[in-house]
PDB file of N, CA and C in Angstrom:
ATOM      1  N   MET A   1      30.391 -36.414  -1.930  1.00  0.00           N
ATOM      2  CA  MET A   1      30.605 -35.634  -2.121  1.00  0.00           C
ATOM      3  C   MET A   1      31.109 -34.734  -0.982  1.00  0.00           C
ATOM      4  N   ARG A   2      31.136 -33.530  -0.610  1.00  0.00           N
ATOM      5  CA  ARG A   2      31.830 -32.608  -0.689  1.00  0.00           C
ATOM      6  C   ARG A   2      31.126 -32.231   1.223  1.00  0.00           C
ATOM      7  N   ARG A   3      31.955 -32.351   2.593  1.00  0.00           N
ATOM      8  CA  ARG A   3      31.520 -32.328   3.714  1.00  0.00           C
ATOM      9  C   ARG A   3      31.094 -30.767   3.653  1.00  0.00           C
ATOM     10  N   PRO A   4      30.201 -31.178   4.499  1.00  0.00           N
ATOM     11  CA  PRO A   4      29.562 -29.168   4.410  1.00  0.00           C
ATOM     12  C   PRO A   4      30.664 -28.480   5.691  1.00  0.00           C
ATOM     13  N   HIS A   5      30.972 -26.958   5.044  1.00  0.00           N
ATOM     14  CA  HIS A   5      32.136 -26.508   5.338  1.00  0.00           C
ATOM     15  C   HIS A   5      31.719 -25.062   4.877  1.00  0.00           C
ATOM     16  N   GLU A   6      32.021 -24.130   5.729  1.00  0.00           N
ATOM     17  CA  GLU A   6      32.079 -22.366   5.486  1.00  0.00           C
ATOM     18  C   GLU A   6      32.750 -21.921   4.333  1.00  0.00           C
ATOM     19  N   ASN A   7      32.711 -21.108   3.731  1.00  0.00           N
ATOM     20  CA  ASN A   7      33.431 -20.302   3.072  1.00  0.00           C
ATOM     21  C   ASN A   7      33.684 -19.255   4.034  1.00  0.00           C
ATOM     22  N   VAL A   8      35.711 -19.209   3.950  1.00  0.00           N
ATOM     23  CA  VAL A   8      36.137 -18.440   4.354  1.00  0.00           C
ATOM     24  C   VAL A   8      37.323 -17.744   3.929  1.00  0.00           C
ATOM     25  N   ALA A   9      38.114 -16.082   3.824  1.00  0.00           N
ATOM     26  CA  ALA A   9      39.025 -15.503   3.842  1.00  0.00           C
ATOM     27  C   ALA A   9      40.145 -15.787   4.999  1.00  0.00           C
ATOM     28  N   THR A  10      41.691 -16.303   4.353  1.00  0.00           N
ATOM     29  CA  THR A  10      42.293 -16.200   5.665  1.00  0.00           C
ATOM     30  C   THR A  10      42.903 -15.009   6.116  1.00  0.00           C
ATOM     31  N   VAL A  11      42.683 -14.430   6.952  1.00  0.00           N
ATOM     32  CA  VAL A  11      43.333 -12.845   6.401  1.00  0.00           C
ATOM     33  C   VAL A  11      44.109 -13.004   7.870  1.00  0.00           C
ATOM     34  N   LEU A  12      45.628 -12.188   7.795  1.00  0.00           N
ATOM     35  CA  LEU A  12      46.421 -11.556   8.499  1.00  0.00           C
ATOM     36  C   LEU A  12      45.782 -10.396   9.476  1.00  0.00           C
ATOM     37  N   VAL A  13      45.395  -9.856  10.589  1.00  0.00           N
ATOM     38  CA  VAL A  13      44.975  -8.536  10.845  1.00  0.00           C
ATOM     39  C   VAL A  13      46.236  -7.985  11.522  1.00  0.00           C
ATOM     40  N   ASP A  14      46.502  -6.737  11.729  1.00  0.00           N
ATOM     41  CA  ASP A  14      47.269  -5.910  12.606  1.00  0.00           C
ATOM     42  C   ASP A  14      46.378  -5.851  14.065  1.00  0.00           C
ATOM     43  N   PRO A  15      46.996  -6.159  15.043  1.00  0.00           N
ATOM     44  CA  PRO A  15      45.812  -6.241  15.948  1.00  0.00           C
ATOM     45  C   PRO A  15      45.182  -4.897  17.043  1.00  0.00           C
ATOM     46  N   ARG A  16      45.596  -3.883  16.535  1.00  0.00           N
ATOM     47  CA  ARG A  16      45.696  -2.292  16.558  1.00  0.00           C
ATOM     48  C   ARG A  16      44.064  -2.185  15.847  1.00  0.00           C
ATOM     49  N   ILE A  17      44.192  -3.084  14.799  1.00  0.00           N
ATOM     50  CA  ILE A  17      42.693  -2.863  13.961  1.00  0.00           C
ATOM     51  C   ILE A  17      41.563  -3.897  13.994  1.00  0.00           C
ATOM     52  N   LEU A  18      42.008  -5.112  14.658  1.00  0.00           N
ATOM     53  CA  LEU A  18      41.216  -5.956  15.090  1.00  0.00           C
ATOM     54  C   LEU A  18      39.654  -5.381  15.259  1.00  0.00           C
ATOM     55  N   GLY A  19      39.697  -5.075  16.201  1.00  0.00           N
ATOM     56  CA  GLY A  19      38.045  -4.557  16.592  1.00  0.00           C
ATOM     57  C   GLY A  19      37.189  -3.618  15.628  1.00  0.00           C
ATOM     58  N   ASP A  20      38.105  -2.766  15.288  1.00  0.00           N
ATOM     59  CA  ASP A  20      37.676  -2.512  14.214  1.00  0.00           C
ATOM     60  C   ASP A  20      36.935  -2.539  12.954  1.00  0.00           C
ATOM     61  N   ILE A  21      38.277  -3.770  12.554  1.00  0.00           N
ATOM     62  CA  ILE A  21      37.581  -4.479  11.211  1.00  0.00           C
ATOM     63  C   ILE A  21      36.988  -4.948  11.250  1.00  0.00           C
ATOM     64  N   GLU A  22      36.820  -5.841  12.512  1.00  0.00           N
ATOM     65  CA  GLU A  22      35.712  -6.581  13.167  1.00  0.00           C
ATOM     66  C   GLU A  22      33.916  -6.558  12.997  1.00  0.00           C
ATOM     67  N   ILE A  23      33.940  -5.170  13.772  1.00  0.00           N
ATOM     68  CA  ILE A  23      32.782  -4.216  13.607  1.00  0.00           C
ATOM     69  C   ILE A  23      32.400  -3.952  12.262  1.00  0.00           C
ATOM     70  N   GLU A  24      32.842  -3.488  11.003  1.00  0.00           N
ATOM     71  CA  GLU A  24      32.603  -3.205   9.798  1.00  0.00           C
ATOM     72  C   GLU A  24      32.060  -4.499   8.926  1.00  0.00           C
ATOM     73  N   LEU A  25      32.911  -5.767   9.332  1.00  0.00           N
ATOM     74  CA  LEU A  25      32.497  -6.557   8.670  1.00  0.00           C
ATOM     75  C   LEU A  25      31.117  -7.404   9.550  1.00  0.00           C
ATOM     76  N   MET A  26      30.878  -6.949  10.575  1.00  0.00           N
ATOM     77  CA  MET A  26      29.474  -7.468  11.338  1.00  0.00           C
ATOM     78  C   MET A  26      28.218  -7.093  10.256  1.00  0.00           C
ATOM     79  N   SER A  27      28.609  -5.467   9.993  1.00  0.00           N
ATOM     80  CA  SER A  27      27.678  -4.846   9.250  1.00  0.00           C
ATOM     81  C   SER A  27      27.578  -5.563   8.490  1.00  0.00           C
ATOM     82  N   LEU A  28      28.367  -5.829   7.662  1.00  0.00           N
ATOM     83  CA  LEU A  28      28.080  -6.624   5.812  1.00  0.00           C
ATOM     84  C   LEU A  28      27.911  -8.005   6.703  1.00  0.00           C
ATOM     85  N   ASP A  29      26.987  -8.304   8.064  1.00  0.00           N
ATOM     86  CA  ASP A  29      26.908  -9.752   7.854  1.00  0.00           C
ATOM     87  C   ASP A  29      28.030 -10.897   7.540  1.00  0.00           C
ATOM     88  N   MET A  30      29.113 -10.295   7.921  1.00  0.00           N
ATOM     89  CA  MET A  30      30.566 -10.995   7.454  1.00  0.00           C
ATOM     90  C   MET A  30      31.373 -11.582   8.952  1.00  0.00           C
ATOM     91  N   PRO A  31      30.750 -12.602   9.799  1.00  0.00           N
ATOM     92  CA  PRO A  31      31.519 -12.892  10.304  1.00  0.00           C
ATOM     93  C   PRO A  31      32.919 -13.592  10.870  1.00  0.00           C
ATOM     94  N   LEU A  32      33.834 -13.038  11.526  1.00  0.00           N
ATOM     95  CA  LEU A  32      35.016 -12.386  11.884  1.00  0.00           C
ATOM     96  C   LEU A  32      35.113 -13.956  12.890  1.00  0.00           C
ATOM     97  N   TRP A  33      36.638 -14.764  13.089  1.00  0.00           N
ATOM     98  CA  TRP A  33      36.645 -15.508  13.753  1.00  0.00           C
ATOM     99  C   TRP A  33      38.269 -15.758  13.929  1.00  0.00           C
ATOM    100  N   ARG A  34      38.796 -15.237  15.346  1.00  0.00           N
ATOM    101  CA  ARG A  34      40.043 -15.420  15.731  1.00  0.00           C
ATOM    102  C   ARG A  34      40.567 -16.871  15.270  1.00  0.00           C
ATOM    103  N   VAL A  35      41.321 -17.265  14.615  1.00  0.00           N
ATOM    104  CA  VAL A  35      41.441 -18.787  14.496  1.00  0.00           C
ATOM    105  C   VAL A  35      42.242 -19.507  16.082  1.00  0.00           C
ATOM    106  N   CYS A  36      42.619 -18.761  16.607  1.00  0.00           N
ATOM    107  CA  CYS A  36      43.130 -19.182  18.166  1.00  0.00           C
ATOM    108  C   CYS A  36      42.342 -19.133  18.866  1.00  0.00           C
ATOM    109  N   ALA A  37      41.206 -18.914  18.615  1.00  0.00           N
ATOM    110  CA  ALA A  37      39.782 -19.352  19.294  1.00  0.00           C
ATOM    111  C   ALA A  37      38.604 -19.723  18.846  1.00  0.00           C
ATOM    112  N   ALA A  38      38.877 -20.245  17.548  1.00  0.00           N
ATOM    113  CA  ALA A  38      37.656 -20.706  16.798  1.00  0.00           C
ATOM    114  C   ALA A  38      37.381 -21.902  17.546  1.00  0.00           C
ATOM    115  N   PRO A  39      35.675 -22.547  18.133  1.00  0.00           N
ATOM    116  CA  PRO A  39      35.407 -23.161  18.063  1.00  0.00           C
ATOM    117  C   PRO A  39      35.654 -24.918  17.346  1.00  0.00           C
ATOM    118  N   ILE A  40      36.134 -24.724  15.993  1.00  0.00           N
ATOM    119  CA  ILE A  40      36.464 -25.754  15.374  1.00  0.00           C
ATOM    120  C   ILE A  40      37.918 -26.134  15.178  1.00  0.00           C
ATOM    121  N   VAL A  41      38.606 -25.555  16.777  1.00  0.00           N
ATOM    122  CA  VAL A  41      40.045 -25.754  16.495  1.00  0.00           C
ATOM    123  C   VAL A  41      40.201 -26.042  17.986  1.00  0.00           C
ATOM    124  N   LYS A  42      41.385 -27.970  17.939  1.00  0.00           N
ATOM    125  CA  LYS A  42      41.421 -27.366  19.239  1.00  0.00           C
ATOM    126  C   LYS A  42      42.402 -26.972  19.950  1.00  0.00           C
ATOM    127  N   ASP A  43      43.531 -27.082  18.925  1.00  0.00           N
ATOM    128  CA  ASP A  43      44.762 -26.633  19.373  1.00  0.00           C
ATOM    129  C   ASP A  43      45.008 -25.065  19.164  1.00  0.00           C
ATOM    130  N   GLY A  44      44.428 -23.903  19.546  1.00  0.00           N
ATOM    131  CA  GLY A  44      44.312 -22.572  19.006  1.00  0.00           C
ATOM    132  C   GLY A  44      45.248 -22.103  18.485  1.00  0.00           C
ATOM    133  N   GLN A  45      46.050 -22.000  19.770  1.00  0.00           N
ATOM    134  CA  GLN A  45      47.524 -21.252  19.717  1.00  0.00           C
ATOM    135  C   GLN A  45      48.230 -21.898  18.667  1.00  0.00           C
ATOM    136  N   ARG A  46      48.577 -22.992  18.383  1.00  0.00           N
ATOM    137  CA  ARG A  46      49.512 -23.858  18.048  1.00  0.00           C
ATOM    138  C   ARG A  46      48.545 -23.407  16.427  1.00  0.00           C
ATOM    139  N   PHE A  47      47.474 -23.766  16.036  1.00  0.00           N
ATOM    140  CA  PHE A  47      47.108 -23.909  14.245  1.00  0.00           C
ATOM    141  C   PHE A  47      46.482 -22.605  14.054  1.00  0.00           C
ATOM    142  N   ALA A  48      46.650 -20.886  14.989  1.00  0.00           N
ATOM    143  CA  ALA A  48      47.386 -19.754  14.471  1.00  0.00           C
ATOM    144  C   ALA A  48      48.572 -20.016  14.008  1.00  0.00           C
ATOM    145  N   PHE A  49      49.560 -20.349  14.849  1.00  0.00           N
ATOM    146  CA  PHE A  49      50.505 -20.305  14.495  1.00  0.00           C
ATOM    147  C   PHE A  49      51.384 -20.836  13.603  1.00  0.00           C
ATOM    148  N   GLN A  50      50.782 -21.566  13.107  1.00  0.00           N
ATOM    149  CA  GLN A  50      51.013 -22.475  11.533  1.00  0.00           C
ATOM    150  C   GLN A  50      50.497 -21.794  10.542  1.00  0.00           C
ATOM    151  N   ILE A  51      49.188 -21.429  10.693  1.00  0.00           N
ATOM    152  CA  ILE A  51      48.199 -20.295   9.370  1.00  0.00           C
ATOM    153  C   ILE A  51      49.105 -19.250   9.212  1.00  0.00           C
ATOM    154  N   ARG A  52      49.613 -18.415  10.233  1.00  0.00           N
ATOM    155  CA  ARG A  52      50.525 -17.309   9.794  1.00  0.00           C
ATOM    156  C   ARG A  52      52.126 -17.470   9.638  1.00  0.00           C
ATOM    157  N   ASN A  53      52.524 -18.505  10.190  1.00  0.00           N
ATOM    158  CA  ASN A  53      53.992 -19.350   9.335  1.00  0.00           C
ATOM    159  C   ASN A  53      53.818 -19.601   8.109  1.00  0.00           C
ATOM    160  N   LYS A  54      52.378 -19.642   8.004  1.00  0.00           N
ATOM    161  CA  LYS A  54      52.382 -20.947   6.102  1.00  0.00           C
ATOM    162  C   LYS A  54      52.250 -18.970   5.054  1.00  0.00           C
ATOM    163  N   LEU A  55      51.653 -18.548   5.604  1.00  0.00           N
ATOM    164  CA  LEU A  55      50.842 -16.955   4.857  1.00  0.00           C
ATOM    165  C   LEU A  55      52.383 -16.350   4.639  1.00  0.00           C
ATOM    166  N   LEU A  56      52.618 -15.995   5.359  1.00  0.00           N
ATOM    167  CA  LEU A  56      54.231 -15.451   5.532  1.00  0.00           C
ATOM    168  C   LEU A  56      55.654 -16.178   4.388  1.00  0.00           C
ATOM    169  N   MET A  57      55.465 -17.433   5.178  1.00  0.00           N
ATOM    170  CA  MET A  57      56.693 -18.490   4.072  1.00  0.00           C
ATOM    171  C   MET A  57      56.284 -18.138   2.751  1.00  0.00           C
ATOM    172  N   SER A  58      54.293 -18.367   2.437  1.00  0.00           N
ATOM    173  CA  SER A  58      54.025 -17.875   0.563  1.00  0.00           C
ATOM    174  C   SER A  58      54.924 -16.784   0.310  1.00  0.00           C
ATOM    175  N   LYS A  59      55.028 -15.738   1.265  1.00  0.00           N
ATOM    176  CA  LYS A  59      55.559 -14.513   0.035  1.00  0.00           C
ATOM    177  C   LYS A  59      57.020 -14.502   0.507  1.00  0.00           C
ATOM    178  N   ARG A  60      57.845 -14.979   1.040  1.00  0.00           N
ATOM    179  CA  ARG A  60      59.146 -14.855   1.116  1.00  0.00           C
ATOM    180  C   ARG A  60      59.497 -13.251   1.917  1.00  0.00           C
ATOM    181  N   GLY A  61      58.861 -13.216   2.981  1.00  0.00           N
ATOM    182  CA  GLY A  61      59.834 -11.784   2.996  1.00  0.00           C
ATOM    183  C   GLY A  61      58.849 -10.457   3.065  1.00  0.00           C
ATOM    184  N   GLU A  62      57.902 -10.805   1.694  1.00  0.00           N
ATOM    185  CA  GLU A  62      57.327  -9.657   1.668  1.00  0.00           C
ATOM    186  C   GLU A  62      56.211  -9.158   3.202  1.00  0.00           C
ATOM    187  N   TRP A  63      55.535 -10.078   3.274  1.00  0.00           N
ATOM    188  CA  TRP A  63      54.473  -9.826   4.887  1.00  0.00           C
ATOM    189  C   TRP A  63      55.849 -10.438   6.309  1.00  0.00           C
ATOM    190  N   ASP A  64      56.768  -9.783   6.175  1.00  0.00           N
ATOM    191  CA  ASP A  64      57.239  -9.474   7.431  1.00  0.00           C
ATOM    192  C   ASP A  64      56.420  -8.771   8.677  1.00  0.00           C
ATOM    193  N   CYS A  65      56.073  -7.504   8.037  1.00  0.00           N
ATOM    194  CA  CYS A  65      55.805  -6.488   8.567  1.00  0.00           C
ATOM    195  C   CYS A  65      54.412  -7.290   9.335  1.00  0.00           C
ATOM    196  N   ALA A  66      53.828  -8.454   9.398  1.00  0.00           N
ATOM    197  CA  ALA A  66      52.880  -9.306  10.071  1.00  0.00           C
ATOM    198  C   ALA A  66      52.749 -10.233  10.551  1.00  0.00           C
ATOM    199  N   LYS A  67      54.602 -10.340  11.079  1.00  0.00           N
ATOM    200  CA  LYS A  67      54.695 -11.326  11.926  1.00  0.00           C
ATOM    201  C   LYS A  67      54.148 -11.648  12.979  1.00  0.00           C
ATOM    202  N   ASP A  68      53.631 -10.829  13.696  1.00  0.00           N
ATOM    203  CA  ASP A  68      52.782 -10.700  15.004  1.00  0.00           C
ATOM    204  C   ASP A  68      51.222 -10.181  14.869  1.00  0.00           C
ATOM    205  N   TRP A  69      50.595 -10.405  13.701  1.00  0.00           N
ATOM    206  CA  TRP A  69      49.537 -10.465  13.579  1.00  0.00           C
ATOM    207  C   TRP A  69      49.012 -11.114  13.461  1.00  0.00           C
ATOM    208  N   VAL A  70      47.248 -11.061  13.933  1.00  0.00           N
ATOM    209  CA  VAL A  70      46.481 -12.738  13.771  1.00  0.00           C
ATOM    210  C   VAL A  70      45.827 -12.679  13.359  1.00  0.00           C
ATOM    211  N   PRO A  71      46.020 -14.253  12.984  1.00  0.00           N
ATOM    212  CA  PRO A  71      44.771 -14.908  11.853  1.00  0.00           C
ATOM    213  C   PRO A  71      43.577 -15.294  11.745  1.00  0.00           C
ATOM    214  N   VAL A  72      43.028 -14.725  11.263  1.00  0.00           N
ATOM    215  CA  VAL A  72      41.122 -14.763  11.069  1.00  0.00           C
ATOM    216  C   VAL A  72      40.734 -15.611   9.723  1.00  0.00           C
ATOM    217  N   TRP A  73      39.599 -15.998  10.715  1.00  0.00           N
ATOM    218  CA  TRP A  73      38.777 -16.204   9.514  1.00  0.00           C
ATOM    219  C   TRP A  73      37.610 -15.214   8.934  1.00  0.00           C
ATOM    220  N   ILE A  74      36.921 -14.939   8.063  1.00  0.00           N
ATOM    221  CA  ILE A  74      36.399 -13.597   7.675  1.00  0.00           C
ATOM    222  C   ILE A  74      34.990 -15.033   6.683  1.00  0.00           C
ATOM    223  N   GLY A  75      33.933 -15.322   7.298  1.00  0.00           N
ATOM    224  CA  GLY A  75      32.950 -16.213   6.755  1.00  0.00           C
ATOM    225  C   GLY A  75      31.914 -14.723   6.175  1.00  0.00           C
ATOM    226  N   PHE A  76      30.680 -15.575   5.906  1.00  0.00           N
ATOM    227  CA  PHE A  76      29.860 -14.870   5.458  1.00  0.00           C
ATOM    228  C   PHE A  76      28.437 -15.015   6.168  1.00  0.00           C
ATOM    229  N   GLY A  77      27.880 -14.410   6.492  1.00  0.00           N
ATOM    230  CA  GLY A  77      26.475 -14.574   7.069  1.00  0.00           C
ATOM    231  C   GLY A  77      25.333 -14.953   6.333  1.00  0.00           C
ATOM    232  N   SER A  78      23.752 -15.411   6.723  1.00  0.00           N
ATOM    233  CA  SER A  78      22.878 -16.006   6.223  1.00  0.00           C
ATOM    234  C   SER A  78      22.089 -14.795   4.751  1.00  0.00           C
ATOM    235  N   THR A  79      23.014 -13.174   4.985  1.00  0.00           N
ATOM    236  CA  THR A  79      22.312 -12.539   4.561  1.00  0.00           C
ATOM    237  C   THR A  79      22.664 -12.722   2.890  1.00  0.00           C
ATOM    238  N   TRP A  80      23.444 -13.317   2.887  1.00  0.00           N
ATOM    239  CA  TRP A  80      24.880 -13.138   1.087  1.00  0.00           C
ATOM    240  C   TRP A  80      24.022 -14.477   0.830  1.00  0.00           C
ATOM    241  N   ALA A  81      24.153 -15.716   1.434  1.00  0.00           N
ATOM    242  CA  ALA A  81      23.832 -16.916   0.744  1.00  0.00           C
ATOM    243  C   ALA A  81      23.690 -17.877   1.677  1.00  0.00           C
ATOM    244  N   ALA A  82      22.386 -18.889   1.582  1.00  0.00           N
ATOM    245  CA  ALA A  82      21.944 -19.816   3.105  1.00  0.00           C
ATOM    246  C   ALA A  82      22.989 -21.354   2.324  1.00  0.00           C
ATOM    247  N   PRO A  83      23.422 -22.113   3.876  1.00  0.00           N
ATOM    248  CA  PRO A  83      24.115 -22.677   3.915  1.00  0.00           C
ATOM    249  C   PRO A  83      24.463 -23.225   2.598  1.00  0.00           C
ATOM    250  N   GLY A  84      25.084 -23.703   2.177  1.00  0.00           N
ATOM    251  CA  GLY A  84      25.157 -24.967   1.007  1.00  0.00           C
ATOM    252  C   GLY A  84      25.429 -24.161  -0.249  1.00  0.00           C
ATOM    253  N   GLU A  85      24.947 -22.918  -0.428  1.00  0.00           N
ATOM    254  CA  GLU A  85      24.891 -22.410  -1.691  1.00  0.00           C
ATOM    255  C   GLU A  85      25.967 -21.144  -2.059  1.00  0.00           C
ATOM    256  N   ALA A  86      25.723 -21.212  -3.066  1.00  0.00           N
ATOM    257  CA  ALA A  86      27.579 -20.550  -3.496  1.00  0.00           C
ATOM    258  C   ALA A  86      27.166 -19.435  -3.131  1.00  0.00           C
ATOM    259  N   ILE A  87      28.897 -19.025  -2.591  1.00  0.00           N
ATOM    260  CA  ILE A  87      28.804 -17.276  -2.096  1.00  0.00           C
ATOM    261  C   ILE A  87      28.509 -16.221  -3.517  1.00  0.00           C
ATOM    262  N   PRO A  88      27.785 -15.662  -3.686  1.00  0.00           N
ATOM    263  CA  PRO A  88      27.104 -14.559  -4.816  1.00  0.00           C
ATOM    264  C   PRO A  88      28.588 -13.500  -4.994  1.00  0.00           C
ATOM    265  N   TRP A  89      28.547 -12.967  -6.373  1.00  0.00           N
ATOM    266  CA  TRP A  89      29.912 -11.914  -6.265  1.00  0.00           C
ATOM    267  C   TRP A  89      29.507 -10.700  -5.647  1.00  0.00           C
ATOM    268  N   PRO A  90      28.633 -10.157  -5.140  1.00  0.00           N
ATOM    269  CA  PRO A  90      29.043  -9.253  -4.561  1.00  0.00           C
ATOM    270  C   PRO A  90      29.336  -9.384  -3.406  1.00  0.00           C
ATOM    271  N   ALA A  91      28.975 -10.475  -2.805  1.00  0.00           N
ATOM    272  CA  ALA A  91      29.572 -11.230  -1.347  1.00  0.00           C
ATOM    273  C   ALA A  91      31.359 -10.729  -1.165  1.00  0.00           C
ATOM    274  N   HIS A  92      31.897 -11.433  -2.602  1.00  0.00           N
ATOM    275  CA  HIS A  92      32.935 -11.344  -2.918  1.00  0.00           C
ATOM    276  C   HIS A  92      34.264 -10.372  -2.834  1.00  0.00           C
ATOM    277  N   LYS A  93      33.004  -8.925  -3.342  1.00  0.00           N
ATOM    278  CA  LYS A  93      32.996  -7.517  -3.722  1.00  0.00           C
ATOM    279  C   LYS A  93      33.443  -7.416  -2.338  1.00  0.00           C
ATOM    280  N   ALA A  94      32.321  -7.582  -1.729  1.00  0.00           N
ATOM    281  CA  ALA A  94      31.854  -6.179  -0.328  1.00  0.00           C
ATOM    282  C   ALA A  94      33.099  -6.927   0.630  1.00  0.00           C
ATOM    283  N   LEU A  95      33.663  -8.010   0.365  1.00  0.00           N
ATOM    284  CA  LEU A  95      35.113  -8.067   1.335  1.00  0.00           C
ATOM    285  C   LEU A  95      36.240  -7.732   0.782  1.00  0.00           C
ATOM    286  N   TRP A  96      36.476  -8.043  -0.735  1.00  0.00           N
ATOM    287  CA  TRP A  96      37.390  -7.291  -0.832  1.00  0.00           C
ATOM    288  C   TRP A  96      38.267  -6.233  -0.655  1.00  0.00           C
ATOM    289  N   THR A  97      36.521  -5.443  -1.280  1.00  0.00           N
ATOM    290  CA  THR A  97      36.263  -4.012  -0.968  1.00  0.00           C
ATOM    291  C   THR A  97      37.214  -3.156  -0.076  1.00  0.00           C
ATOM    292  N   LEU A  98      36.422  -4.035   1.017  1.00  0.00           N
ATOM    293  CA  LEU A  98      36.642  -3.843   2.979  1.00  0.00           C
ATOM    294  C   LEU A  98      38.378  -4.162   3.196  1.00  0.00           C
ATOM    295  N   LEU A  99      38.288  -5.109   2.821  1.00  0.00           N
ATOM    296  CA  LEU A  99      40.224  -5.771   3.283  1.00  0.00           C
ATOM    297  C   LEU A  99      41.238  -4.404   2.084  1.00  0.00           C
ATOM    298  N   GLU A 100      40.493  -4.027   1.304  1.00  0.00           N
ATOM    299  CA  GLU A 100      41.381  -2.986   0.237  1.00  0.00           C
ATOM    300  C   GLU A 100      41.193  -1.996   1.316  1.00  0.00           C
ATOM    301  N   ASP A 101      40.583  -1.660   1.555  1.00  0.00           N
ATOM    302  CA  ASP A 101      40.174  -0.438   2.662  1.00  0.00           C
ATOM    303  C   ASP A 101      41.492   0.134   3.632  1.00  0.00           C
ATOM    304  N   TYR A 102      41.534  -1.460   4.442  1.00  0.00           N
ATOM    305  CA  TYR A 102      42.239  -1.905   5.127  1.00  0.00           C
ATOM    306  C   TYR A 102      44.166  -2.157   4.946  1.00  0.00           C
ATOM    307  N   SER A 103      44.235  -1.816   3.530  1.00  0.00           N
ATOM    308  CA  SER A 103      45.324  -2.939   2.996  1.00  0.00           C
ATOM    309  C   SER A 103      46.437  -2.457   4.087  1.00  0.00           C
ATOM    310  N   GLU A 104      46.752  -1.385   4.946  1.00  0.00           N
ATOM    311  CA  GLU A 104      48.291  -1.517   5.376  1.00  0.00           C
ATOM    312  C   GLU A 104      47.817  -2.082   6.659  1.00  0.00           C
ATOM    313  N   GLN A 105      46.680  -2.678   7.134  1.00  0.00           N
ATOM    314  CA  GLN A 105      47.297  -3.389   8.177  1.00  0.00           C
ATOM    315  C   GLN A 105      46.172  -5.315   8.137  1.00  0.00           C
ATOM    316  N   VAL A 106      46.423  -5.392   6.735  1.00  0.00           N
ATOM    317  CA  VAL A 106      45.537  -6.572   6.435  1.00  0.00           C
ATOM    318  C   VAL A 106      46.780  -7.368   5.511  1.00  0.00           C
ATOM    319  N   ARG A 107      46.824  -8.786   5.389  1.00  0.00           N
ATOM    320  CA  ARG A 107      47.685  -9.543   4.307  1.00  0.00           C
ATOM    321  C   ARG A 107      46.703 -10.545   3.940  1.00  0.00           C
ATOM    322  N   TYR A 108      46.516 -10.702   3.058  1.00  0.00           N
ATOM    323  CA  TYR A 108      45.688 -12.090   2.354  1.00  0.00           C
ATOM    324  C   TYR A 108      45.699 -12.560   1.209  1.00  0.00           C
ATOM    325  N   HIS A 109      45.421 -13.304   0.857  1.00  0.00           N
ATOM    326  CA  HIS A 109      45.029 -14.236  -0.739  1.00  0.00           C
ATOM    327  C   HIS A 109      43.923 -13.820  -0.703  1.00  0.00           C
ATOM    328  N   LYS A 110      43.855 -13.474  -2.065  1.00  0.00           N
ATOM    329  CA  LYS A 110      42.699 -13.087  -2.510  1.00  0.00           C
ATOM    330  C   LYS A 110      41.424 -14.135  -3.628  1.00  0.00           C
ATOM    331  N   ARG A 111      40.686 -15.220  -1.807  1.00  0.00           N
ATOM    332  CA  ARG A 111      40.544 -16.641  -2.559  1.00  0.00           C
ATOM    333  C   ARG A 111      39.923 -16.975  -1.228  1.00  0.00           C
ATOM    334  N   LEU A 112      39.151 -17.532  -1.691  1.00  0.00           N
ATOM    335  CA  LEU A 112      38.216 -18.294   0.275  1.00  0.00           C
ATOM    336  C   LEU A 112      38.936 -19.540   0.155  1.00  0.00           C
ATOM    337  N   GLY A 113      38.465 -20.394   1.299  1.00  0.00           N
ATOM    338  CA  GLY A 113      39.390 -21.597   1.470  1.00  0.00           C
ATOM    339  C   GLY A 113      37.618 -22.273   2.357  1.00  0.00           C
ATOM    340  N   GLY A 114      37.271 -23.180   2.297  1.00  0.00           N
ATOM    341  CA  GLY A 114      37.177 -24.079   3.567  1.00  0.00           C
ATOM    342  C   GLY A 114      37.012 -24.644   4.643  1.00  0.00           C
ATOM    343  N   ILE A 115      36.676 -24.363   5.770  1.00  0.00           N
ATOM    344  CA  ILE A 115      37.064 -24.629   6.624  1.00  0.00           C
ATOM    345  C   ILE A 115      35.860 -25.850   7.582  1.00  0.00           C
ATOM    346  N   PRO A 116      35.278 -26.777   8.346  1.00  0.00           N
ATOM    347  CA  PRO A 116      34.793 -27.661   9.043  1.00  0.00           C
ATOM    348  C   PRO A 116      33.136 -26.233   9.424  1.00  0.00           C
ATOM    349  N   ARG A 117      32.323 -25.665   9.582  1.00  0.00           N
ATOM    350  CA  ARG A 117      30.947 -25.315   9.743  1.00  0.00           C
ATOM    351  C   ARG A 117      31.494 -24.896  11.509  1.00  0.00           C
ATOM    352  N   ILE A 118      31.010 -23.576  11.455  1.00  0.00           N
ATOM    353  CA  ILE A 118      30.805 -22.917  12.996  1.00  0.00           C
ATOM    354  C   ILE A 118      30.041 -23.131  13.628  1.00  0.00           C
ATOM    355  N   PRO A 119      29.817 -23.645  14.396  1.00  0.00           N
ATOM    356  CA  PRO A 119      29.056 -23.298  15.220  1.00  0.00           C
ATOM    357  C   PRO A 119      28.141 -21.606  15.692  1.00  0.00           C
ATOM    358  N   ARG A 120      26.693 -22.018  15.346  1.00  0.00           N
ATOM    359  CA  ARG A 120      26.562 -20.264  15.722  1.00  0.00           C
ATOM    360  C   ARG A 120      25.184 -19.750  16.857  1.00  0.00           C
ATOM    361  N   LEU A 121      25.040 -19.097  17.165  1.00  0.00           N
ATOM    362  CA  LEU A 121      24.482 -19.030  18.256  1.00  0.00           C
ATOM    363  C   LEU A 121      22.710 -18.448  17.614  1.00  0.00           C
ATOM    364  N   ARG A 122      21.785 -19.429  17.830  1.00  0.00           N
ATOM    365  CA  ARG A 122      21.049 -18.933  17.226  1.00  0.00           C
ATOM    366  C   ARG A 122      20.126 -17.838  17.642  1.00  0.00           C
ATOM    367  N   GLU A 123      19.184 -17.237  16.568  1.00  0.00           N
ATOM    368  CA  GLU A 123      18.735 -15.352  16.779  1.00  0.00           C
ATOM    369  C   GLU A 123      17.271 -16.230  17.197  1.00  0.00           C
ATOM    370  N   ALA A 124      17.034 -14.997  18.836  1.00  0.00           N
ATOM    371  CA  ALA A 124      15.423 -15.478  19.437  1.00  0.00           C
ATOM    372  C   ALA A 124      14.739 -15.475  18.107  1.00  0.00           C
ATOM    373  N   CYS A 125      13.871 -15.676  18.497  1.00  0.00           N
ATOM    374  CA  CYS A 125      12.409 -15.635  17.363  1.00  0.00           C
ATOM    375  C   CYS A 125      11.756 -14.184  18.282  1.00  0.00           C
TER     376      CYS A 125
END
């Protein structure tokens, strides 16, 4: 059986629009974690460099404009699915549509990956 995980999109984001896209994602209940600061990562700066480098290398020069951009993970909040449930297609569509709106400032592969669960603050009762 697979360990519990977060379904996330790994995205390179131009740091100049990071705050804007994060606010839009929050309004859709899609948390954004900077890889370098994610609580599940031990050496954040190194891991962020490795992810960025892997994404850039996979595109063989097409994404060279993103060499200084910030690698982030974008997940899905409880509005979209309970933990352990599949992410519904409307959630996928909302994410890809938002990223398409920022097509000049983001780079990503249109697929989700899995990372260990990230602790979240509990909502107040």
